[in-house]
Each structure stands twice: as C-alpha cells, then as structure tokens.
Amino acid sequence: LNSLGGMHLLFWRSIQESKEAGLRVFDLGRSDIEN
C-alpha cells in the first residue's frame, strides 16, 4: 500500500507540527550507504 503515500503523509505532518512548535531541525536519521 506504499503507493497511497502513507509515509509521505506522516513526514509532511511531522514537518507541519514541527514548524508550529518552533522547532528548527528535522533529523531524518542515518541510512546504510548501500540503501
């Protein structure tokens, strides 16, 4: 069900809430080089 955009919705809502709370950084974490 990834084509529905669920993960994108969650990231965008996180960004919106962070802006409202006055946060300055969204840390997306680490990723394996091969990924």
Full PDB file with SEQRES, HELIX, SHEET, SSBOND, CRYST1, ORIGX, SCALE, CONECT and MASTER records, all heavy atoms in Angstrom:
SEQRES   1 A   35  LEU ASN SER LEU GLY GLY MET HIS LEU LEU PHE TRP ARG          
SEQRES   2 A   35  SER ILE GLN GLU SER LYS GLU ALA GLY LEU ARG VAL PHE          
SEQRES   3 A   35  ASP LEU GLY ARG SER ASP ILE GLU ASN                          
HELIX    1 AA1 ASN A    2  LEU A    4  5                                   3    
HELIX    2 AA2 GLY A    6  GLU A   20  1                                  15    
CRYST1    1.000    1.000    1.000  90.00  90.00  90.00 P 1           1          
ORIGX1      1.000000  0.000000  0.000000        0.00000                         
ORIGX2      0.000000  1.000000  0.000000        0.00000                         
ORIGX3      0.000000  0.000000  1.000000        0.00000                         
SCALE1      1.000000  0.000000  0.000000        0.00000                         
SCALE2      0.000000  1.000000  0.000000        0.00000                         
SCALE3      0.000000  0.000000  1.000000        0.00000                         
ATOM      1  N   LEU A   1       0.814  -1.218   0.000  1.00  0.00           N  
ATOM      2  CA  LEU A   1       0.000   0.000   0.000  1.00  0.00           C  
ATOM      3  C   LEU A   1       0.846   1.266   0.000  1.00  0.00           C  
ATOM      4  O   LEU A   1       0.341   2.354   0.261  1.00  0.00           O  
ATOM      5  CB  LEU A   1      -0.937  -0.012   1.222  1.00  0.00           C  
ATOM      6  CG  LEU A   1      -1.908  -1.205   1.294  1.00  0.00           C  
ATOM      7  CD1 LEU A   1      -2.657  -1.208   2.620  1.00  0.00           C  
ATOM      8  CD2 LEU A   1      -2.893  -1.157   0.130  1.00  0.00           C  
ATOM      9  N   ASN A   2       2.126   1.130  -0.305  1.00  0.00           N  
ATOM     10  CA  ASN A   2       3.013   2.298  -0.303  1.00  0.00           C  
ATOM     11  C   ASN A   2       2.609   3.346  -1.325  1.00  0.00           C  
ATOM     12  O   ASN A   2       2.883   4.538  -1.153  1.00  0.00           O  
ATOM     13  CB  ASN A   2       4.458   1.862  -0.560  1.00  0.00           C  
ATOM     14  CG  ASN A   2       5.136   1.322   0.686  1.00  0.00           C  
ATOM     15  OD1 ASN A   2       4.604   1.429   1.793  1.00  0.00           O  
ATOM     16  ND2 ASN A   2       6.310   0.730   0.519  1.00  0.00           N  
ATOM     17  N   SER A   3       1.954   2.915  -2.396  1.00  0.00           N  
ATOM     18  CA  SER A   3       1.567   3.863  -3.445  1.00  0.00           C  
ATOM     19  C   SER A   3       0.545   4.882  -2.962  1.00  0.00           C  
ATOM     20  O   SER A   3       0.350   5.927  -3.597  1.00  0.00           O  
ATOM     21  CB  SER A   3       1.006   3.109  -4.649  1.00  0.00           C  
ATOM     22  OG  SER A   3      -0.158   2.378  -4.289  1.00  0.00           O  
ATOM     23  N   LEU A   4      -0.097   4.617  -1.815  1.00  0.00           N  
ATOM     24  CA  LEU A   4      -1.097   5.548  -1.289  1.00  0.00           C  
ATOM     25  C   LEU A   4      -0.463   6.804  -0.687  1.00  0.00           C  
ATOM     26  O   LEU A   4      -1.157   7.793  -0.453  1.00  0.00           O  
ATOM     27  CB  LEU A   4      -1.947   4.853  -0.219  1.00  0.00           C  
ATOM     28  CG  LEU A   4      -2.740   3.620  -0.664  1.00  0.00           C  
ATOM     29  CD1 LEU A   4      -3.531   3.051   0.517  1.00  0.00           C  
ATOM     30  CD2 LEU A   4      -3.676   3.956  -1.818  1.00  0.00           C  
ATOM     31  N   GLY A   5       0.831   6.740  -0.423  1.00  0.00           N  
ATOM     32  CA  GLY A   5       1.516   7.922   0.112  1.00  0.00           C  
ATOM     33  C   GLY A   5       1.464   8.043   1.623  1.00  0.00           C  
ATOM     34  O   GLY A   5       1.638   9.149   2.156  1.00  0.00           O  
ATOM     35  N   GLY A   6       1.261   6.948   2.312  1.00  0.00           N  
ATOM     36  CA  GLY A   6       1.158   6.999   3.765  1.00  0.00           C  
ATOM     37  C   GLY A   6       2.399   7.540   4.447  1.00  0.00           C  
ATOM     38  O   GLY A   6       2.321   8.390   5.340  1.00  0.00           O  
ATOM     39  N   MET A   7       3.581   7.083   4.043  1.00  0.00           N  
ATOM     40  CA  MET A   7       4.812   7.558   4.663  1.00  0.00           C  
ATOM     41  C   MET A   7       5.026   9.038   4.373  1.00  0.00           C  
ATOM     42  O   MET A   7       5.483   9.797   5.240  1.00  0.00           O  
ATOM     43  CB  MET A   7       5.996   6.731   4.165  1.00  0.00           C  
ATOM     44  CG  MET A   7       7.276   6.938   4.953  1.00  0.00           C  
ATOM     45  SD  MET A   7       7.143   6.427   6.697  1.00  0.00           S  
ATOM     46  CE  MET A   7       7.087   4.635   6.512  1.00  0.00           C  
ATOM     47  N   HIS A   8       4.682   9.466   3.173  1.00  0.00           N  
ATOM     48  CA  HIS A   8       4.828  10.884   2.822  1.00  0.00           C  
ATOM     49  C   HIS A   8       3.889  11.753   3.657  1.00  0.00           C  
ATOM     50  O   HIS A   8       4.258  12.850   4.089  1.00  0.00           O  
ATOM     51  CB  HIS A   8       4.564  11.079   1.331  1.00  0.00           C  
ATOM     52  CG  HIS A   8       5.594  10.446   0.458  1.00  0.00           C  
ATOM     53  ND1 HIS A   8       5.611   9.098   0.195  1.00  0.00           N  
ATOM     54  CD2 HIS A   8       6.667  10.986  -0.202  1.00  0.00           C  
ATOM     55  CE1 HIS A   8       6.640   8.821  -0.599  1.00  0.00           C  
ATOM     56  NE2 HIS A   8       7.281   9.946  -0.862  1.00  0.00           N  
ATOM     57  N   LEU A   9       2.677  11.256   3.904  1.00  0.00           N  
ATOM     58  CA  LEU A   9       1.746  11.987   4.768  1.00  0.00           C  
ATOM     59  C   LEU A   9       2.339  12.162   6.163  1.00  0.00           C  
ATOM     60  O   LEU A   9       2.270  13.255   6.746  1.00  0.00           O  
ATOM     61  CB  LEU A   9       0.418  11.240   4.851  1.00  0.00           C  
ATOM     62  CG  LEU A   9      -0.563  11.714   5.938  1.00  0.00           C  
ATOM     63  CD1 LEU A   9      -1.044  13.133   5.645  1.00  0.00           C  
ATOM     64  CD2 LEU A   9      -1.753  10.756   6.052  1.00  0.00           C  
ATOM     65  N   LEU A  10       2.935  11.104   6.708  1.00  0.00           N  
ATOM     66  CA  LEU A  10       3.472  11.151   8.067  1.00  0.00           C  
ATOM     67  C   LEU A  10       4.643  12.130   8.165  1.00  0.00           C  
ATOM     68  O   LEU A  10       4.747  12.892   9.136  1.00  0.00           O  
ATOM     69  CB  LEU A  10       3.907   9.754   8.503  1.00  0.00           C  
ATOM     70  CG  LEU A  10       2.796   8.716   8.600  1.00  0.00           C  
ATOM     71  CD1 LEU A  10       3.363   7.346   8.949  1.00  0.00           C  
ATOM     72  CD2 LEU A  10       1.744   9.125   9.629  1.00  0.00           C  
ATOM     73  N   PHE A  11       5.506  12.117   7.165  1.00  0.00           N  
ATOM     74  CA  PHE A  11       6.629  13.057   7.179  1.00  0.00           C  
ATOM     75  C   PHE A  11       6.137  14.496   7.063  1.00  0.00           C  
ATOM     76  O   PHE A  11       6.629  15.391   7.763  1.00  0.00           O  
ATOM     77  CB  PHE A  11       7.602  12.731   6.034  1.00  0.00           C  
ATOM     78  CG  PHE A  11       8.679  11.767   6.413  1.00  0.00           C  
ATOM     79  CD1 PHE A  11       8.378  10.471   6.804  1.00  0.00           C  
ATOM     80  CD2 PHE A  11      10.012  12.147   6.386  1.00  0.00           C  
ATOM     81  CE1 PHE A  11       9.367   9.573   7.146  1.00  0.00           C  
ATOM     82  CE2 PHE A  11      11.021  11.256   6.728  1.00  0.00           C  
ATOM     83  CZ  PHE A  11      10.698   9.962   7.111  1.00  0.00           C  
ATOM     84  N   TRP A  12       5.170  14.732   6.185  1.00  0.00           N  
ATOM     85  CA  TRP A  12       4.693  16.090   5.990  1.00  0.00           C  
ATOM     86  C   TRP A  12       3.972  16.608   7.230  1.00  0.00           C  
ATOM     87  O   TRP A  12       4.165  17.759   7.629  1.00  0.00           O  
ATOM     88  CB  TRP A  12       3.795  16.164   4.763  1.00  0.00           C  
ATOM     89  CG  TRP A  12       3.347  17.559   4.437  1.00  0.00           C  
ATOM     90  CD1 TRP A  12       2.066  18.021   4.373  1.00  0.00           C  
ATOM     91  CD2 TRP A  12       4.184  18.685   4.157  1.00  0.00           C  
ATOM     92  NE1 TRP A  12       2.053  19.353   4.058  1.00  0.00           N  
ATOM     93  CE2 TRP A  12       3.351  19.790   3.921  1.00  0.00           C  
ATOM     94  CE3 TRP A  12       5.563  18.859   4.070  1.00  0.00           C  
ATOM     95  CZ2 TRP A  12       3.836  21.053   3.614  1.00  0.00           C  
ATOM     96  CZ3 TRP A  12       6.067  20.123   3.762  1.00  0.00           C  
ATOM     97  CH2 TRP A  12       5.201  21.206   3.550  1.00  0.00           C  
ATOM     98  N   ARG A  13       3.176  15.769   7.869  1.00  0.00           N  
ATOM     99  CA  ARG A  13       2.520  16.184   9.109  1.00  0.00           C  
ATOM    100  C   ARG A  13       3.549  16.454  10.205  1.00  0.00           C  
ATOM    101  O   ARG A  13       3.393  17.382  11.003  1.00  0.00           O  
ATOM    102  CB  ARG A  13       1.525  15.119   9.567  1.00  0.00           C  
ATOM    103  CG  ARG A  13       0.239  15.052   8.741  1.00  0.00           C  
ATOM    104  CD  ARG A  13      -0.573  16.343   8.853  1.00  0.00           C  
ATOM    105  NE  ARG A  13      -1.051  16.576  10.195  1.00  0.00           N  
ATOM    106  CZ  ARG A  13      -2.241  16.223  10.648  1.00  0.00           C  
ATOM    107  NH1 ARG A  13      -3.092  15.601   9.848  1.00  0.00           N  
ATOM    108  NH2 ARG A  13      -2.614  16.492  11.881  1.00  0.00           N  
ATOM    109  N   SER A  14       4.606  15.665  10.236  1.00  0.00           N  
ATOM    110  CA  SER A  14       5.675  15.897  11.215  1.00  0.00           C  
ATOM    111  C   SER A  14       6.338  17.246  10.979  1.00  0.00           C  
ATOM    112  O   SER A  14       6.638  17.989  11.928  1.00  0.00           O  
ATOM    113  CB  SER A  14       6.722  14.778  11.134  1.00  0.00           C  
ATOM    114  OG  SER A  14       6.163  13.524  11.454  1.00  0.00           O  
ATOM    115  N   ILE A  15       6.557  17.583   9.709  1.00  0.00           N  
ATOM    116  CA  ILE A  15       7.159  18.871   9.382  1.00  0.00           C  
ATOM    117  C   ILE A  15       6.222  20.007   9.765  1.00  0.00           C  
ATOM    118  O   ILE A  15       6.650  21.017  10.356  1.00  0.00           O  
ATOM    119  CB  ILE A  15       7.496  18.917   7.876  1.00  0.00           C  
ATOM    120  CG1 ILE A  15       8.645  17.961   7.559  1.00  0.00           C  
ATOM    121  CG2 ILE A  15       7.841  20.341   7.438  1.00  0.00           C  
ATOM    122  CD1 ILE A  15       8.901  17.769   6.081  1.00  0.00           C  
ATOM    123  N   GLN A  16       4.935  19.873   9.461  1.00  0.00           N  
ATOM    124  CA  GLN A  16       3.969  20.916   9.806  1.00  0.00           C  
ATOM    125  C   GLN A  16       3.912  21.155  11.307  1.00  0.00           C  
ATOM    126  O   GLN A  16       3.937  22.298  11.778  1.00  0.00           O  
ATOM    127  CB  GLN A  16       2.588  20.521   9.285  1.00  0.00           C  
ATOM    128  CG  GLN A  16       2.458  20.572   7.768  1.00  0.00           C  
ATOM    129  CD  GLN A  16       1.107  20.045   7.300  1.00  0.00           C  
ATOM    130  OE1 GLN A  16       0.659  18.976   7.711  1.00  0.00           O  
ATOM    131  NE2 GLN A  16       0.451  20.804   6.423  1.00  0.00           N  
ATOM    132  N   GLU A  17       3.840  20.080  12.079  1.00  0.00           N  
ATOM    133  CA  GLU A  17       3.777  20.213  13.537  1.00  0.00           C  
ATOM    134  C   GLU A  17       5.062  20.813  14.097  1.00  0.00           C  
ATOM    135  O   GLU A  17       5.029  21.609  15.041  1.00  0.00           O  
ATOM    136  CB  GLU A  17       3.516  18.855  14.178  1.00  0.00           C  
ATOM    137  CG  GLU A  17       2.102  18.343  13.986  1.00  0.00           C  
ATOM    138  CD  GLU A  17       1.849  17.083  14.796  1.00  0.00           C  
ATOM    139  OE1 GLU A  17       2.682  16.743  15.659  1.00  0.00           O  
ATOM    140  OE2 GLU A  17       0.819  16.431  14.558  1.00  0.00           O  
ATOM    141  N   SER A  18       6.194  20.415  13.522  1.00  0.00           N  
ATOM    142  CA  SER A  18       7.472  20.949  13.990  1.00  0.00           C  
ATOM    143  C   SER A  18       7.559  22.446  13.760  1.00  0.00           C  
ATOM    144  O   SER A  18       8.072  23.193  14.607  1.00  0.00           O  
ATOM    145  CB  SER A  18       8.627  20.230  13.284  1.00  0.00           C  
ATOM    146  OG  SER A  18       8.633  18.850  13.601  1.00  0.00           O  
ATOM    147  N   LYS A  19       7.050  22.896  12.607  1.00  0.00           N  
ATOM    148  CA  LYS A  19       7.034  24.328  12.333  1.00  0.00           C  
ATOM    149  C   LYS A  19       6.156  25.059  13.342  1.00  0.00           C  
ATOM    150  O   LYS A  19       6.532  26.115  13.860  1.00  0.00           O  
ATOM    151  CB  LYS A  19       6.518  24.575  10.912  1.00  0.00           C  
ATOM    152  CG  LYS A  19       7.504  24.213   9.813  1.00  0.00           C  
ATOM    153  CD  LYS A  19       8.672  25.195   9.766  1.00  0.00           C  
ATOM    154  CE  LYS A  19       8.208  26.590   9.369  1.00  0.00           C  
ATOM    155  NZ  LYS A  19       9.350  27.549   9.321  1.00  0.00           N  
ATOM    156  N   GLU A  20       4.988  24.489  13.635  1.00  0.00           N  
ATOM    157  CA  GLU A  20       4.070  25.115  14.588  1.00  0.00           C  
ATOM    158  C   GLU A  20       4.688  25.195  15.983  1.00  0.00           C  
ATOM    159  O   GLU A  20       4.437  26.131  16.738  1.00  0.00           O  
ATOM    160  CB  GLU A  20       2.770  24.321  14.641  1.00  0.00           C  
ATOM    161  CG  GLU A  20       1.935  24.408  13.370  1.00  0.00           C  
ATOM    162  CD  GLU A  20       0.728  23.498  13.411  1.00  0.00           C  
ATOM    163  OE1 GLU A  20       0.529  22.828  14.450  1.00  0.00           O  
ATOM    164  OE2 GLU A  20      -0.014  23.441  12.402  1.00  0.00           O  
ATOM    165  N   ALA A  21       5.518  24.210  16.327  1.00  0.00           N  
ATOM    166  CA  ALA A  21       6.139  24.173  17.648  1.00  0.00           C  
ATOM    167  C   ALA A  21       7.419  24.997  17.721  1.00  0.00           C  
ATOM    168  O   ALA A  21       8.030  25.103  18.790  1.00  0.00           O  
ATOM    169  CB  ALA A  21       6.438  22.722  18.035  1.00  0.00           C  
ATOM    170  N   GLY A  22       7.825  25.554  16.587  1.00  0.00           N  
ATOM    171  CA  GLY A  22       9.023  26.384  16.576  1.00  0.00           C  
ATOM    172  C   GLY A  22      10.327  25.603  16.539  1.00  0.00           C  
ATOM    173  O   GLY A  22      11.390  26.150  16.871  1.00  0.00           O  
ATOM    174  N   LEU A  23      10.273  24.335  16.140  1.00  0.00           N  
ATOM    175  CA  LEU A  23      11.499  23.552  16.028  1.00  0.00           C  
ATOM    176  C   LEU A  23      12.300  24.010  14.816  1.00  0.00           C  
ATOM    177  O   LEU A  23      11.761  24.562  13.863  1.00  0.00           O  
ATOM    178  CB  LEU A  23      11.177  22.057  15.923  1.00  0.00           C  
ATOM    179  CG  LEU A  23      10.360  21.453  17.074  1.00  0.00           C  
ATOM    180  CD1 LEU A  23      10.216  19.947  16.895  1.00  0.00           C  
ATOM    181  CD2 LEU A  23      10.995  21.773  18.413  1.00  0.00           C  
ATOM    182  N   ARG A  24      13.599  23.736  14.844  1.00  0.00           N  
ATOM    183  CA  ARG A  24      14.483  24.239  13.790  1.00  0.00           C  
ATOM    184  C   ARG A  24      15.065  23.147  12.904  1.00  0.00           C  
ATOM    185  O   ARG A  24      15.537  23.434  11.806  1.00  0.00           O  
ATOM    186  CB  ARG A  24      15.635  25.027  14.437  1.00  0.00           C  
ATOM    187  CG  ARG A  24      15.173  26.276  15.170  1.00  0.00           C  
ATOM    188  CD  ARG A  24      16.269  26.818  16.070  1.00  0.00           C  
ATOM    189  NE  ARG A  24      17.457  27.211  15.328  1.00  0.00           N  
ATOM    190  CZ  ARG A  24      17.658  28.410  14.806  1.00  0.00           C  
ATOM    191  NH1 ARG A  24      16.721  29.341  14.937  1.00  0.00           N  
ATOM    192  NH2 ARG A  24      18.770  28.697  14.169  1.00  0.00           N  
ATOM    193  N   VAL A  25      15.040  21.899  13.380  1.00  0.00           N  
ATOM    194  CA  VAL A  25      15.683  20.810  12.636  1.00  0.00           C  
ATOM    195  C   VAL A  25      14.795  19.570  12.653  1.00  0.00           C  
ATOM    196  O   VAL A  25      14.227  19.218  13.693  1.00  0.00           O  
ATOM    197  CB  VAL A  25      17.067  20.451  13.243  1.00  0.00           C  
ATOM    198  CG1 VAL A  25      17.691  19.268  12.494  1.00  0.00           C  
ATOM    199  CG2 VAL A  25      17.998  21.650  13.220  1.00  0.00           C  
ATOM    200  N   PHE A  26      14.678  18.925  11.510  1.00  0.00           N  
ATOM    201  CA  PHE A  26      14.046  17.604  11.408  1.00  0.00           C  
ATOM    202  C   PHE A  26      15.179  16.636  11.054  1.00  0.00           C  
ATOM    203  O   PHE A  26      15.688  16.631   9.933  1.00  0.00           O  
ATOM    204  CB  PHE A  26      12.974  17.608  10.321  1.00  0.00           C  
ATOM    205  CG  PHE A  26      12.152  16.342  10.247  1.00  0.00           C  
ATOM    206  CD1 PHE A  26      12.151  15.394  11.256  1.00  0.00           C  
ATOM    207  CD2 PHE A  26      11.365  16.100   9.131  1.00  0.00           C  
ATOM    208  CE1 PHE A  26      11.396  14.243  11.180  1.00  0.00           C  
ATOM    209  CE2 PHE A  26      10.583  14.948   9.030  1.00  0.00           C  
ATOM    210  CZ  PHE A  26      10.606  14.022  10.061  1.00  0.00           C  
ATOM    211  N   ASP A  27      15.584  15.832  12.033  1.00  0.00           N  
ATOM    212  CA  ASP A  27      16.668  14.869  11.851  1.00  0.00           C  
ATOM    213  C   ASP A  27      16.067  13.590  11.280  1.00  0.00           C  
ATOM    214  O   ASP A  27      15.312  12.893  11.965  1.00  0.00           O  
ATOM    215  CB  ASP A  27      17.357  14.598  13.199  1.00  0.00           C  
ATOM    216  CG  ASP A  27      18.598  13.722  13.068  1.00  0.00           C  
ATOM    217  OD1 ASP A  27      18.747  13.036  12.039  1.00  0.00           O  
ATOM    218  OD2 ASP A  27      19.414  13.707  14.016  1.00  0.00           O  
ATOM    219  N   LEU A  28      16.401  13.274  10.027  1.00  0.00           N  
ATOM    220  CA  LEU A  28      15.846  12.101   9.357  1.00  0.00           C  
ATOM    221  C   LEU A  28      16.643  10.841   9.637  1.00  0.00           C  
ATOM    222  O   LEU A  28      16.326   9.772   9.107  1.00  0.00           O  
ATOM    223  CB  LEU A  28      15.767  12.340   7.850  1.00  0.00           C  
ATOM    224  CG  LEU A  28      15.001  13.590   7.401  1.00  0.00           C  
ATOM    225  CD1 LEU A  28      14.883  13.622   5.888  1.00  0.00           C  
ATOM    226  CD2 LEU A  28      13.633  13.661   8.045  1.00  0.00           C  
ATOM    227  N   GLY A  29      17.677  10.950  10.463  1.00  0.00           N  
ATOM    228  CA  GLY A  29      18.392   9.762  10.901  1.00  0.00           C  
ATOM    229  C   GLY A  29      19.399   9.245   9.900  1.00  0.00           C  
ATOM    230  O   GLY A  29      19.627   9.810   8.831  1.00  0.00           O  
ATOM    231  N   ARG A  30      20.007   8.129  10.277  1.00  0.00           N  
ATOM    232  CA  ARG A  30      21.065   7.544   9.457  1.00  0.00           C  
ATOM    233  C   ARG A  30      20.486   6.551   8.460  1.00  0.00           C  
ATOM    234  O   ARG A  30      19.400   6.002   8.649  1.00  0.00           O  
ATOM    235  CB  ARG A  30      22.112   6.848  10.339  1.00  0.00           C  
ATOM    236  CG  ARG A  30      21.688   5.493  10.846  1.00  0.00           C  
ATOM    237  CD  ARG A  30      22.778   4.819  11.673  1.00  0.00           C  
ATOM    238  NE  ARG A  30      22.414   3.433  11.940  1.00  0.00           N  
ATOM    239  CZ  ARG A  30      23.087   2.619  12.735  1.00  0.00           C  
ATOM    240  NH1 ARG A  30      24.165   3.064  13.363  1.00  0.00           N  
ATOM    241  NH2 ARG A  30      22.684   1.371  12.923  1.00  0.00           N  
ATOM    242  N   SER A  31      21.256   6.316   7.403  1.00  0.00           N  
ATOM    243  CA  SER A  31      20.907   5.332   6.381  1.00  0.00           C  
ATOM    244  C   SER A  31      22.158   4.562   6.010  1.00  0.00           C  
ATOM    245  O   SER A  31      23.252   5.144   5.907  1.00  0.00           O  
ATOM    246  CB  SER A  31      20.350   6.009   5.123  1.00  0.00           C  
ATOM    247  OG  SER A  31      19.305   6.908   5.428  1.00  0.00           O  
ATOM    248  N   ASP A  32      22.016   3.256   5.798  1.00  0.00           N  
ATOM    249  CA  ASP A  32      23.136   2.474   5.302  1.00  0.00           C  
ATOM    250  C   ASP A  32      23.562   3.002   3.936  1.00  0.00           C  
ATOM    251  O   ASP A  32      22.722   3.346   3.100  1.00  0.00           O  
ATOM    252  CB  ASP A  32      22.756   0.999   5.163  1.00  0.00           C  
ATOM    253  CG  ASP A  32      22.547   0.327   6.517  1.00  0.00           C  
ATOM    254  OD1 ASP A  32      23.066   0.858   7.522  1.00  0.00           O  
ATOM    255  OD2 ASP A  32      21.881  -0.718   6.564  1.00  0.00           O  
ATOM    256  N   ILE A  33      24.855   3.056   3.703  1.00  0.00           N  
ATOM    257  CA  ILE A  33      25.383   3.545   2.435  1.00  0.00           C  
ATOM    258  C   ILE A  33      24.809   2.765   1.259  1.00  0.00           C  
ATOM    259  O   ILE A  33      24.539   3.310   0.188  1.00  0.00           O  
ATOM    260  CB  ILE A  33      26.925   3.464   2.426  1.00  0.00           C  
ATOM    261  CG1 ILE A  33      27.520   4.467   3.425  1.00  0.00           C  
ATOM    262  CG2 ILE A  33      27.476   3.702   1.036  1.00  0.00           C  
ATOM    263  CD1 ILE A  33      27.327   5.908   3.040  1.00  0.00           C  
ATOM    264  N   GLU A  34      24.597   1.447   1.474  1.00  0.00           N  
ATOM    265  CA  GLU A  34      24.096   0.604   0.389  1.00  0.00           C  
ATOM    266  C   GLU A  34      22.607   0.792   0.129  1.00  0.00           C  
ATOM    267  O   GLU A  34      22.090   0.349  -0.902  1.00  0.00           O  
ATOM    268  CB  GLU A  34      24.365  -0.872   0.704  1.00  0.00           C  
ATOM    269  CG  GLU A  34      25.837  -1.243   0.835  1.00  0.00           C  
ATOM    270  CD  GLU A  34      26.408  -0.893   2.200  1.00  0.00           C  
ATOM    271  OE1 GLU A  34      25.604  -0.530   3.114  1.00  0.00           O  
ATOM    272  OE2 GLU A  34      27.635  -0.963   2.365  1.00  0.00           O  
ATOM    273  N   ASN A  35      21.890   1.434   1.058  1.00  0.00           N  
ATOM    274  CA  ASN A  35      20.449   1.593   0.915  1.00  0.00           C  
ATOM    275  C   ASN A  35      20.143   2.849   0.099  1.00  0.00           C  
ATOM    276  O   ASN A  35      19.695   3.867   0.619  1.00  0.00           O  
ATOM    277  CB  ASN A  35      19.791   1.666   2.291  1.00  0.00           C  
ATOM    278  CG  ASN A  35      18.293   1.457   2.238  1.00  0.00           C  
ATOM    279  OD1 ASN A  35      17.671   1.620   1.185  1.00  0.00           O  
ATOM    280  ND2 ASN A  35      17.698   1.112   3.362  1.00  0.00           N  
TER     281      ASN A  35                                                      
MASTER        0    0    0    2    0    0    0    6  280    1    0    3          
END                                                                             
